[in-house]
PDB file of N, CA and C in Angstrom:
ATOM      1  N   MET A   1      -5.821  -5.581  21.579  1.00  0.00           N
ATOM      2  CA  MET A   1      -6.349  -5.986  20.066  1.00  0.00           C
ATOM      3  C   MET A   1      -6.462  -4.821  19.318  1.00  0.00           C
ATOM      4  N   SER A   2      -5.849  -5.165  17.936  1.00  0.00           N
ATOM      5  CA  SER A   2      -5.583  -3.968  17.130  1.00  0.00           C
ATOM      6  C   SER A   2      -6.798  -3.651  16.749  1.00  0.00           C
ATOM      7  N   ALA A   3      -7.058  -2.219  16.107  1.00  0.00           N
ATOM      8  CA  ALA A   3      -8.250  -1.828  15.434  1.00  0.00           C
ATOM      9  C   ALA A   3      -8.944  -2.301  14.509  1.00  0.00           C
ATOM     10  N   GLN A   4      -7.956  -2.969  13.593  1.00  0.00           N
ATOM     11  CA  GLN A   4      -8.008  -3.942  12.344  1.00  0.00           C
ATOM     12  C   GLN A   4      -8.763  -5.172  12.856  1.00  0.00           C
ATOM     13  N   VAL A   5      -8.213  -5.533  13.756  1.00  0.00           N
ATOM     14  CA  VAL A   5      -8.834  -7.092  14.222  1.00  0.00           C
ATOM     15  C   VAL A   5     -10.314  -6.902  14.756  1.00  0.00           C
ATOM     16  N   SER A   6     -10.465  -5.646  15.591  1.00  0.00           N
ATOM     17  CA  SER A   6     -11.839  -5.445  15.863  1.00  0.00           C
ATOM     18  C   SER A   6     -12.762  -5.299  14.974  1.00  0.00           C
ATOM     19  N   GLU A   7     -12.280  -4.629  13.961  1.00  0.00           N
ATOM     20  CA  GLU A   7     -13.164  -4.551  12.812  1.00  0.00           C
ATOM     21  C   GLU A   7     -13.419  -5.598  11.860  1.00  0.00           C
ATOM     22  N   LEU A   8     -12.286  -6.802  11.490  1.00  0.00           N
ATOM     23  CA  LEU A   8     -12.818  -7.957  11.390  1.00  0.00           C
ATOM     24  C   LEU A   8     -13.634  -8.728  12.099  1.00  0.00           C
ATOM     25  N   ARG A   9     -13.649  -8.449  13.305  1.00  0.00           N
ATOM     26  CA  ARG A   9     -14.413  -9.482  14.075  1.00  0.00           C
ATOM     27  C   ARG A   9     -16.130  -8.772  14.102  1.00  0.00           C
ATOM     28  N   SER A  10     -15.862  -7.176  13.780  1.00  0.00           N
ATOM     29  CA  SER A  10     -17.278  -7.000  13.737  1.00  0.00           C
ATOM     30  C   SER A  10     -17.666  -6.931  12.557  1.00  0.00           C
ATOM     31  N   GLY A  11     -17.178  -7.403  11.345  1.00  0.00           N
ATOM     32  CA  GLY A  11     -17.734  -7.658  10.267  1.00  0.00           C
ATOM     33  C   GLY A  11     -17.754  -6.245   9.557  1.00  0.00           C
ATOM     34  N   SER A  12     -17.221  -5.241   9.450  1.00  0.00           N
ATOM     35  CA  SER A  12     -17.348  -3.912   8.956  1.00  0.00           C
ATOM     36  C   SER A  12     -16.044  -3.742   8.031  1.00  0.00           C
ATOM     37  N   VAL A  13     -15.170  -4.945   7.714  1.00  0.00           N
ATOM     38  CA  VAL A  13     -14.223  -4.783   6.756  1.00  0.00           C
ATOM     39  C   VAL A  13     -14.862  -5.146   5.230  1.00  0.00           C
ATOM     40  N   ARG A  14     -14.252  -4.151   4.334  1.00  0.00           N
ATOM     41  CA  ARG A  14     -15.212  -4.452   3.094  1.00  0.00           C
ATOM     42  C   ARG A  14     -13.637  -4.798   2.213  1.00  0.00           C
ATOM     43  N   PHE A  15     -13.910  -4.933   0.843  1.00  0.00           N
ATOM     44  CA  PHE A  15     -13.144  -5.187  -0.081  1.00  0.00           C
ATOM     45  C   PHE A  15     -13.464  -4.212  -1.266  1.00  0.00           C
ATOM     46  N   GLY A  16     -12.192  -3.858  -1.821  1.00  0.00           N
ATOM     47  CA  GLY A  16     -12.162  -2.805  -2.839  1.00  0.00           C
ATOM     48  C   GLY A  16     -11.146  -3.062  -3.762  1.00  0.00           C
ATOM     49  N   SER A  17     -11.310  -2.565  -5.044  1.00  0.00           N
ATOM     50  CA  SER A  17     -10.126  -2.577  -6.153  1.00  0.00           C
ATOM     51  C   SER A  17      -9.375  -1.203  -6.089  1.00  0.00           C
ATOM     52  N   VAL A  18      -7.983  -1.304  -6.266  1.00  0.00           N
ATOM     53  CA  VAL A  18      -7.255  -0.046  -6.303  1.00  0.00           C
ATOM     54  C   VAL A  18      -6.225  -0.059  -7.455  1.00  0.00           C
ATOM     55  N   CYS A  19      -5.800   0.953  -7.544  1.00  0.00           N
ATOM     56  CA  CYS A  19      -4.467   1.143  -8.824  1.00  0.00           C
ATOM     57  C   CYS A  19      -3.418   1.552  -7.893  1.00  0.00           C
ATOM     58  N   VAL A  20      -2.386   0.857  -7.921  1.00  0.00           N
ATOM     59  CA  VAL A  20      -1.131   0.948  -7.618  1.00  0.00           C
ATOM     60  C   VAL A  20      -0.153   1.572  -8.537  1.00  0.00           C
ATOM     61  N   LEU A  21       0.764   2.448  -8.395  1.00  0.00           N
ATOM     62  CA  LEU A  21       1.379   3.253  -8.933  1.00  0.00           C
ATOM     63  C   LEU A  21       2.761   2.918  -8.525  1.00  0.00           C
ATOM     64  N   TYR A  22       3.658   2.738  -9.313  1.00  0.00           N
ATOM     65  CA  TYR A  22       5.080   2.428  -9.012  1.00  0.00           C
ATOM     66  C   TYR A  22       5.885   3.725  -9.468  1.00  0.00           C
ATOM     67  N   PHE A  23       6.717   4.203  -8.736  1.00  0.00           N
ATOM     68  CA  PHE A  23       7.815   5.268  -9.127  1.00  0.00           C
ATOM     69  C   PHE A  23       9.081   4.796  -8.934  1.00  0.00           C
ATOM     70  N   ALA A  24       9.776   5.430 -10.033  1.00  0.00           N
ATOM     71  CA  ALA A  24      11.469   5.040 -10.015  1.00  0.00           C
ATOM     72  C   ALA A  24      11.848   3.765  -9.502  1.00  0.00           C
ATOM     73  N   GLN A  25      12.767   3.706  -8.541  1.00  0.00           N
ATOM     74  CA  GLN A  25      13.348   2.197  -8.294  1.00  0.00           C
ATOM     75  C   GLN A  25      12.298   1.146  -7.856  1.00  0.00           C
ATOM     76  N   SER A  26      10.904   1.698  -7.153  1.00  0.00           N
ATOM     77  CA  SER A  26       9.978   0.700  -6.963  1.00  0.00           C
ATOM     78  C   SER A  26       9.770   0.325  -8.472  1.00  0.00           C
ATOM     79  N   ALA A  27       9.234   0.954  -9.395  1.00  0.00           N
ATOM     80  CA  ALA A  27       8.973   0.458 -10.929  1.00  0.00           C
ATOM     81  C   ALA A  27      10.086  -0.625 -11.226  1.00  0.00           C
ATOM     82  N   GLU A  28      11.315  -0.446 -11.097  1.00  0.00           N
ATOM     83  CA  GLU A  28      12.203  -1.088 -11.567  1.00  0.00           C
ATOM     84  C   GLU A  28      12.384  -2.546 -10.937  1.00  0.00           C
ATOM     85  N   LEU A  29      12.023  -2.482  -9.196  1.00  0.00           N
ATOM     86  CA  LEU A  29      11.886  -3.407  -8.717  1.00  0.00           C
ATOM     87  C   LEU A  29      10.813  -4.498  -9.092  1.00  0.00           C
ATOM     88  N   ALA A  30       9.508  -3.638  -8.900  1.00  0.00           N
ATOM     89  CA  ALA A  30       8.209  -4.559  -9.376  1.00  0.00           C
ATOM     90  C   ALA A  30       8.368  -4.806 -10.734  1.00  0.00           C
ATOM     91  N   GLY A  31       8.885  -4.450 -11.831  1.00  0.00           N
ATOM     92  CA  GLY A  31       8.872  -4.604 -13.059  1.00  0.00           C
ATOM     93  C   GLY A  31       7.717  -4.097 -13.862  1.00  0.00           C
ATOM     94  N   LEU A  32       6.970  -2.980 -13.144  1.00  0.00           N
ATOM     95  CA  LEU A  32       5.777  -2.345 -13.667  1.00  0.00           C
ATOM     96  C   LEU A  32       5.785  -1.051 -13.167  1.00  0.00           C
ATOM     97  N   LYS A  33       5.146  -0.532 -13.795  1.00  0.00           N
ATOM     98  CA  LYS A  33       4.624   0.835 -13.533  1.00  0.00           C
ATOM     99  C   LYS A  33       3.244   1.349 -12.928  1.00  0.00           C
ATOM    100  N   GLU A  34       2.550   0.094 -13.190  1.00  0.00           N
ATOM    101  CA  GLU A  34       1.115   0.249 -12.902  1.00  0.00           C
ATOM    102  C   GLU A  34       0.189  -1.041 -12.718  1.00  0.00           C
ATOM    103  N   GLU A  35      -0.183  -1.107 -11.739  1.00  0.00           N
ATOM    104  CA  GLU A  35      -1.493  -2.624 -11.392  1.00  0.00           C
ATOM    105  C   GLU A  35      -2.531  -2.099 -10.923  1.00  0.00           C
ATOM    106  N   HIS A  36      -3.569  -3.069 -11.417  1.00  0.00           N
ATOM    107  CA  HIS A  36      -4.830  -2.945 -10.504  1.00  0.00           C
ATOM    108  C   HIS A  36      -5.270  -4.029  -9.487  1.00  0.00           C
ATOM    109  N   LEU A  37      -5.332  -3.908  -8.349  1.00  0.00           N
ATOM    110  CA  LEU A  37      -5.228  -5.046  -7.260  1.00  0.00           C
ATOM    111  C   LEU A  37      -6.808  -5.092  -6.978  1.00  0.00           C
ATOM    112  N   VAL A  38      -7.289  -6.132  -6.781  1.00  0.00           N
ATOM    113  CA  VAL A  38      -9.057  -6.458  -6.537  1.00  0.00           C
ATOM    114  C   VAL A  38      -8.812  -7.055  -4.916  1.00  0.00           C
ATOM    115  N   ALA A  39      -9.762  -6.846  -4.558  1.00  0.00           N
ATOM    116  CA  ALA A  39     -10.217  -7.601  -3.331  1.00  0.00           C
ATOM    117  C   ALA A  39      -9.155  -7.127  -2.459  1.00  0.00           C
ATOM    118  N   VAL A  40      -8.979  -6.002  -2.240  1.00  0.00           N
ATOM    119  CA  VAL A  40      -7.806  -5.349  -0.964  1.00  0.00           C
ATOM    120  C   VAL A  40      -8.909  -5.088  -0.010  1.00  0.00           C
ATOM    121  N   PRO A  41      -8.495  -5.458   1.446  1.00  0.00           N
ATOM    122  CA  PRO A  41      -9.333  -5.093   2.516  1.00  0.00           C
ATOM    123  C   PRO A  41      -9.359  -3.835   2.930  1.00  0.00           C
ATOM    124  N   THR A  42     -10.454  -3.154   3.414  1.00  0.00           N
ATOM    125  CA  THR A  42     -10.325  -1.822   3.825  1.00  0.00           C
ATOM    126  C   THR A  42     -11.336  -1.667   5.057  1.00  0.00           C
ATOM    127  N   PRO A  43     -10.983  -1.067   6.134  1.00  0.00           N
ATOM    128  CA  PRO A  43      -9.751  -0.496   6.157  1.00  0.00           C
ATOM    129  C   PRO A  43      -8.635  -1.616   6.387  1.00  0.00           C
ATOM    130  N   ILE A  44      -7.244  -0.916   6.009  1.00  0.00           N
ATOM    131  CA  ILE A  44      -6.046  -1.796   6.248  1.00  0.00           C
ATOM    132  C   ILE A  44      -4.747  -0.918   6.729  1.00  0.00           C
ATOM    133  N   SER A  45      -4.214  -1.512   7.702  1.00  0.00           N
ATOM    134  CA  SER A  45      -2.895  -0.697   7.902  1.00  0.00           C
ATOM    135  C   SER A  45      -2.015  -0.389   6.804  1.00  0.00           C
ATOM    136  N   SER A  46      -1.324   0.821   6.882  1.00  0.00           N
ATOM    137  CA  SER A  46      -0.278   0.760   5.911  1.00  0.00           C
ATOM    138  C   SER A  46       0.657  -0.113   6.060  1.00  0.00           C
ATOM    139  N   GLN A  47       1.011  -0.866   7.004  1.00  0.00           N
ATOM    140  CA  GLN A  47       1.919  -1.849   7.232  1.00  0.00           C
ATOM    141  C   GLN A  47       1.520  -3.103   6.348  1.00  0.00           C
ATOM    142  N   ASP A  48       0.247  -3.454   6.609  1.00  0.00           N
ATOM    143  CA  ASP A  48      -0.415  -4.643   5.805  1.00  0.00           C
ATOM    144  C   ASP A  48      -0.443  -4.388   4.457  1.00  0.00           C
ATOM    145  N   LEU A  49      -0.929  -3.403   4.165  1.00  0.00           N
ATOM    146  CA  LEU A  49      -0.867  -2.755   2.712  1.00  0.00           C
ATOM    147  C   LEU A  49       0.599  -2.873   1.876  1.00  0.00           C
ATOM    148  N   TRP A  50       1.621  -2.470   2.738  1.00  0.00           N
ATOM    149  CA  TRP A  50       3.340  -2.641   2.171  1.00  0.00           C
ATOM    150  C   TRP A  50       3.411  -4.206   2.065  1.00  0.00           C
ATOM    151  N   GLY A  51       2.779  -4.762   2.976  1.00  0.00           N
ATOM    152  CA  GLY A  51       3.150  -6.568   3.040  1.00  0.00           C
ATOM    153  C   GLY A  51       2.434  -6.942   1.947  1.00  0.00           C
ATOM    154  N   LEU A  52       1.274  -6.704   1.578  1.00  0.00           N
ATOM    155  CA  LEU A  52       0.604  -7.004   0.406  1.00  0.00           C
ATOM    156  C   LEU A  52       1.398  -6.746  -0.961  1.00  0.00           C
ATOM    157  N   LEU A  53       1.679  -5.907  -1.088  1.00  0.00           N
ATOM    158  CA  LEU A  53       2.706  -5.277  -1.972  1.00  0.00           C
ATOM    159  C   LEU A  53       4.023  -6.325  -2.239  1.00  0.00           C
ATOM    160  N   LEU A  54       4.685  -6.381  -1.074  1.00  0.00           N
ATOM    161  CA  LEU A  54       6.020  -7.364  -0.904  1.00  0.00           C
ATOM    162  C   LEU A  54       5.696  -8.544  -1.513  1.00  0.00           C
ATOM    163  N   GLN A  55       4.475  -9.065  -1.161  1.00  0.00           N
ATOM    164  CA  GLN A  55       4.045 -10.599  -1.344  1.00  0.00           C
ATOM    165  C   GLN A  55       3.786 -10.520  -2.885  1.00  0.00           C
ATOM    166  N   ARG A  56       3.425  -9.522  -3.642  1.00  0.00           N
ATOM    167  CA  ARG A  56       3.182  -9.592  -5.054  1.00  0.00           C
ATOM    168  C   ARG A  56       4.641  -9.327  -5.819  1.00  0.00           C
ATOM    169  N   HIS A  57       5.491  -8.553  -5.173  1.00  0.00           N
ATOM    170  CA  HIS A  57       6.818  -8.278  -5.641  1.00  0.00           C
ATOM    171  C   HIS A  57       7.909  -8.232  -4.342  1.00  0.00           C
ATOM    172  N   PRO A  58       8.433  -9.330  -4.231  1.00  0.00           N
ATOM    173  CA  PRO A  58       9.324  -9.485  -3.255  1.00  0.00           C
ATOM    174  C   PRO A  58      10.399  -8.674  -3.340  1.00  0.00           C
ATOM    175  N   ARG A  59      10.979  -8.410  -4.368  1.00  0.00           N
ATOM    176  CA  ARG A  59      12.205  -7.377  -4.542  1.00  0.00           C
ATOM    177  C   ARG A  59      11.941  -6.046  -4.334  1.00  0.00           C
ATOM    178  N   LEU A  60      10.741  -5.767  -3.834  1.00  0.00           N
ATOM    179  CA  LEU A  60      10.424  -4.354  -3.230  1.00  0.00           C
ATOM    180  C   LEU A  60      11.084  -4.116  -1.833  1.00  0.00           C
ATOM    181  N   SER A  61      11.366  -5.212  -1.314  1.00  0.00           N
ATOM    182  CA  SER A  61      11.888  -5.312  -0.091  1.00  0.00           C
ATOM    183  C   SER A  61      13.246  -4.606   0.150  1.00  0.00           C
ATOM    184  N   ALA A  62      14.064  -4.264  -0.879  1.00  0.00           N
ATOM    185  CA  ALA A  62      15.030  -3.662  -0.930  1.00  0.00           C
ATOM    186  C   ALA A  62      14.961  -2.223  -0.701  1.00  0.00           C
ATOM    187  N   LEU A  63      13.759  -1.875  -0.828  1.00  0.00           N
ATOM    188  CA  LEU A  63      13.123  -0.440  -0.079  1.00  0.00           C
ATOM    189  C   LEU A  63      12.606  -0.267   1.400  1.00  0.00           C
ATOM    190  N   ARG A  64      12.764  -1.417   2.053  1.00  0.00           N
ATOM    191  CA  ARG A  64      12.201  -1.452   3.470  1.00  0.00           C
ATOM    192  C   ARG A  64      12.836  -0.385   4.060  1.00  0.00           C
ATOM    193  N   ASP A  65      12.110   0.249   4.803  1.00  0.00           N
ATOM    194  CA  ASP A  65      12.674   1.375   5.813  1.00  0.00           C
ATOM    195  C   ASP A  65      12.715   2.596   5.159  1.00  0.00           C
ATOM    196  N   HIS A  66      12.881   2.821   3.818  1.00  0.00           N
ATOM    197  CA  HIS A  66      12.894   3.911   3.240  1.00  0.00           C
ATOM    198  C   HIS A  66      11.673   4.303   2.250  1.00  0.00           C
ATOM    199  N   VAL A  67      10.505   3.355   2.229  1.00  0.00           N
ATOM    200  CA  VAL A  67       9.442   3.858   1.180  1.00  0.00           C
ATOM    201  C   VAL A  67       8.237   4.467   2.035  1.00  0.00           C
ATOM    202  N   VAL A  68       7.702   5.137   1.434  1.00  0.00           N
ATOM    203  CA  VAL A  68       6.524   5.817   1.529  1.00  0.00           C
ATOM    204  C   VAL A  68       5.578   5.637   0.835  1.00  0.00           C
ATOM    205  N   LEU A  69       4.191   5.327   1.239  1.00  0.00           N
ATOM    206  CA  LEU A  69       3.087   5.157   0.602  1.00  0.00           C
ATOM    207  C   LEU A  69       2.330   6.478   0.311  1.00  0.00           C
ATOM    208  N   ALA A  70       1.632   6.688  -0.753  1.00  0.00           N
ATOM    209  CA  ALA A  70       0.761   7.764  -1.006  1.00  0.00           C
ATOM    210  C   ALA A  70      -0.810   7.159  -1.333  1.00  0.00           C
ATOM    211  N   VAL A  71      -1.660   7.582  -0.390  1.00  0.00           N
ATOM    212  CA  VAL A  71      -3.106   7.107  -0.962  1.00  0.00           C
ATOM    213  C   VAL A  71      -3.944   8.328  -1.063  1.00  0.00           C
ATOM    214  N   ARG A  72      -4.535   8.456  -2.276  1.00  0.00           N
ATOM    215  CA  ARG A  72      -5.136   9.428  -2.780  1.00  0.00           C
ATOM    216  C   ARG A  72      -4.489  10.856  -2.785  1.00  0.00           C
ATOM    217  N   GLN A  73      -2.991  10.686  -2.944  1.00  0.00           N
ATOM    218  CA  GLN A  73      -2.369  11.832  -3.025  1.00  0.00           C
ATOM    219  C   GLN A  73      -1.521  12.319  -1.675  1.00  0.00           C
ATOM    220  N   GLN A  74      -1.909  11.310  -0.721  1.00  0.00           N
ATOM    221  CA  GLN A  74      -1.796  11.927   0.799  1.00  0.00           C
ATOM    222  C   GLN A  74      -0.591  10.850   1.074  1.00  0.00           C
ATOM    223  N   TYR A  75       0.656  11.383   1.666  1.00  0.00           N
ATOM    224  CA  TYR A  75       1.471  10.436   2.195  1.00  0.00           C
ATOM    225  C   TYR A  75       1.394   9.993   3.367  1.00  0.00           C
ATOM    226  N   VAL A  76       1.620   8.609   3.422  1.00  0.00           N
ATOM    227  CA  VAL A  76       1.258   7.497   4.450  1.00  0.00           C
ATOM    228  C   VAL A  76       2.464   7.082   4.825  1.00  0.00           C
ATOM    229  N   ALA A  77       3.008   7.000   6.273  1.00  0.00           N
ATOM    230  CA  ALA A  77       4.165   6.296   6.558  1.00  0.00           C
ATOM    231  C   ALA A  77       3.882   4.535   6.778  1.00  0.00           C
ATOM    232  N   VAL A  78       4.756   3.922   6.601  1.00  0.00           N
ATOM    233  CA  VAL A  78       4.518   2.426   6.722  1.00  0.00           C
ATOM    234  C   VAL A  78       4.334   2.306   8.307  1.00  0.00           C
ATOM    235  N   GLY A  79       3.394   1.760   8.649  1.00  0.00           N
ATOM    236  CA  GLY A  79       3.230   1.550   9.902  1.00  0.00           C
ATOM    237  C   GLY A  79       1.850   0.997  10.340  1.00  0.00           C
ATOM    238  N   ASP A  80       1.412   1.597  11.804  1.00  0.00           N
ATOM    239  CA  ASP A  80       0.106   1.169  12.039  1.00  0.00           C
ATOM    240  C   ASP A  80      -1.063   1.665  11.633  1.00  0.00           C
ATOM    241  N   GLN A  81      -0.859   2.805  10.960  1.00  0.00           N
ATOM    242  CA  GLN A  81      -1.950   3.802  10.919  1.00  0.00           C
ATOM    243  C   GLN A  81      -3.129   3.141   9.716  1.00  0.00           C
ATOM    244  N   LEU A  82      -3.937   2.933  10.177  1.00  0.00           N
ATOM    245  CA  LEU A  82      -5.396   2.500   9.150  1.00  0.00           C
ATOM    246  C   LEU A  82      -5.634   3.456   8.098  1.00  0.00           C
ATOM    247  N   VAL A  83      -5.818   2.916   6.907  1.00  0.00           N
ATOM    248  CA  VAL A  83      -6.295   3.542   5.597  1.00  0.00           C
ATOM    249  C   VAL A  83      -7.569   2.995   5.436  1.00  0.00           C
ATOM    250  N   THR A  84      -8.302   3.841   4.928  1.00  0.00           N
ATOM    251  CA  THR A  84      -9.761   3.149   4.321  1.00  0.00           C
ATOM    252  C   THR A  84      -9.703   3.569   2.680  1.00  0.00           C
ATOM    253  N   LEU A  85      -9.392   2.801   1.951  1.00  0.00           N
ATOM    254  CA  LEU A  85      -9.560   2.676   0.432  1.00  0.00           C
ATOM    255  C   LEU A  85     -10.995   2.254  -0.023  1.00  0.00           C
ATOM    256  N   GLY A  86     -11.256   3.551  -0.986  1.00  0.00           N
ATOM    257  CA  GLY A  86     -12.263   3.284  -1.600  1.00  0.00           C
ATOM    258  C   GLY A  86     -11.943   2.425  -3.231  1.00  0.00           C
ATOM    259  N   ASP A  87     -12.880   1.918  -3.921  1.00  0.00           N
ATOM    260  CA  ASP A  87     -12.878   1.407  -5.386  1.00  0.00           C
ATOM    261  C   ASP A  87     -12.350   2.478  -5.921  1.00  0.00           C
ATOM    262  N   GLY A  88     -11.252   2.074  -6.792  1.00  0.00           N
ATOM    263  CA  GLY A  88     -10.550   3.112  -7.714  1.00  0.00           C
ATOM    264  C   GLY A  88      -9.438   4.103  -7.075  1.00  0.00           C
ATOM    265  N   ASP A  89      -9.223   3.980  -5.667  1.00  0.00           N
ATOM    266  CA  ASP A  89      -8.414   4.746  -5.356  1.00  0.00           C
ATOM    267  C   ASP A  89      -7.047   4.366  -5.959  1.00  0.00           C
ATOM    268  N   GLU A  90      -6.191   5.467  -5.801  1.00  0.00           N
ATOM    269  CA  GLU A  90      -4.502   5.233  -6.116  1.00  0.00           C
ATOM    270  C   GLU A  90      -3.964   4.960  -4.843  1.00  0.00           C
ATOM    271  N   VAL A  91      -2.907   4.158  -4.931  1.00  0.00           N
ATOM    272  CA  VAL A  91      -1.949   4.247  -3.824  1.00  0.00           C
ATOM    273  C   VAL A  91      -0.450   4.181  -4.519  1.00  0.00           C
ATOM    274  N   ALA A  92       0.227   5.182  -4.367  1.00  0.00           N
ATOM    275  CA  ALA A  92       1.540   5.091  -4.867  1.00  0.00           C
ATOM    276  C   ALA A  92       2.759   4.595  -4.125  1.00  0.00           C
ATOM    277  N   VAL A  93       3.717   4.078  -4.837  1.00  0.00           N
ATOM    278  CA  VAL A  93       4.822   3.618  -3.739  1.00  0.00           C
ATOM    279  C   VAL A  93       5.888   4.473  -4.397  1.00  0.00           C
ATOM    280  N   VAL A  94       6.201   5.353  -3.303  1.00  0.00           N
ATOM    281  CA  VAL A  94       7.142   6.286  -3.285  1.00  0.00           C
ATOM    282  C   VAL A  94       8.653   5.726  -3.057  1.00  0.00           C
ATOM    283  N   PRO A  95       9.647   5.519  -3.664  1.00  0.00           N
ATOM    284  CA  PRO A  95      10.649   5.205  -2.959  1.00  0.00           C
ATOM    285  C   PRO A  95      11.589   6.546  -2.422  1.00  0.00           C
ATOM    286  N   PRO A  96      12.826   6.254  -1.819  1.00  0.00           N
ATOM    287  CA  PRO A  96      13.588   7.451  -1.578  1.00  0.00           C
ATOM    288  C   PRO A  96      13.859   8.420  -2.840  1.00  0.00           C
ATOM    289  N   LEU A  97      13.804   9.466  -2.673  1.00  0.00           N
ATOM    290  CA  LEU A  97      14.247  10.543  -3.806  1.00  0.00           C
ATOM    291  C   LEU A  97      15.259  11.347  -3.563  1.00  0.00           C
ATOM    292  N   SER A  98      16.410  11.479  -4.574  1.00  0.00           N
ATOM    293  CA  SER A  98      17.341  12.165  -4.457  1.00  0.00           C
ATOM    294  C   SER A  98      17.392  13.331  -5.332  1.00  0.00           C
ATOM    295  N   GLY A  99      18.157  14.405  -5.155  1.00  0.00           N
ATOM    296  CA  GLY A  99      18.465  15.374  -6.067  1.00  0.00           C
ATOM    297  C   GLY A  99      18.678  16.598  -5.415  1.00  0.00           C
ATOM    298  N   GLY A 100      18.645  17.754  -6.198  1.00  0.00           N
ATOM    299  CA  GLY A 100      19.172  18.991  -5.520  1.00  0.00           C
ATOM    300  C   GLY A 100      18.450  20.202  -5.946  1.00  0.00           C
TER     301      GLY A 100
END
């Protein structure tokens, strides 16, 4: 049983609102640079957080396997890692960067 499921059963999951920032290609695919989400469960796995964003903006799936999230300016790989979100936290969608 995952830690998130255990926490859901124990009733320790809360809900908060976050500001999601989209950069570069993610902004193009989402059609916006910023949005506020309410009732985001916390803690949440980074994979589930990414899934929530994909539900809202299916075109973001073009970034699958190449995107990184940043929660409170700390990079978080999309996977099983649990992140705890506080009201007003920033979540950034960081697509692959190129340059030299």
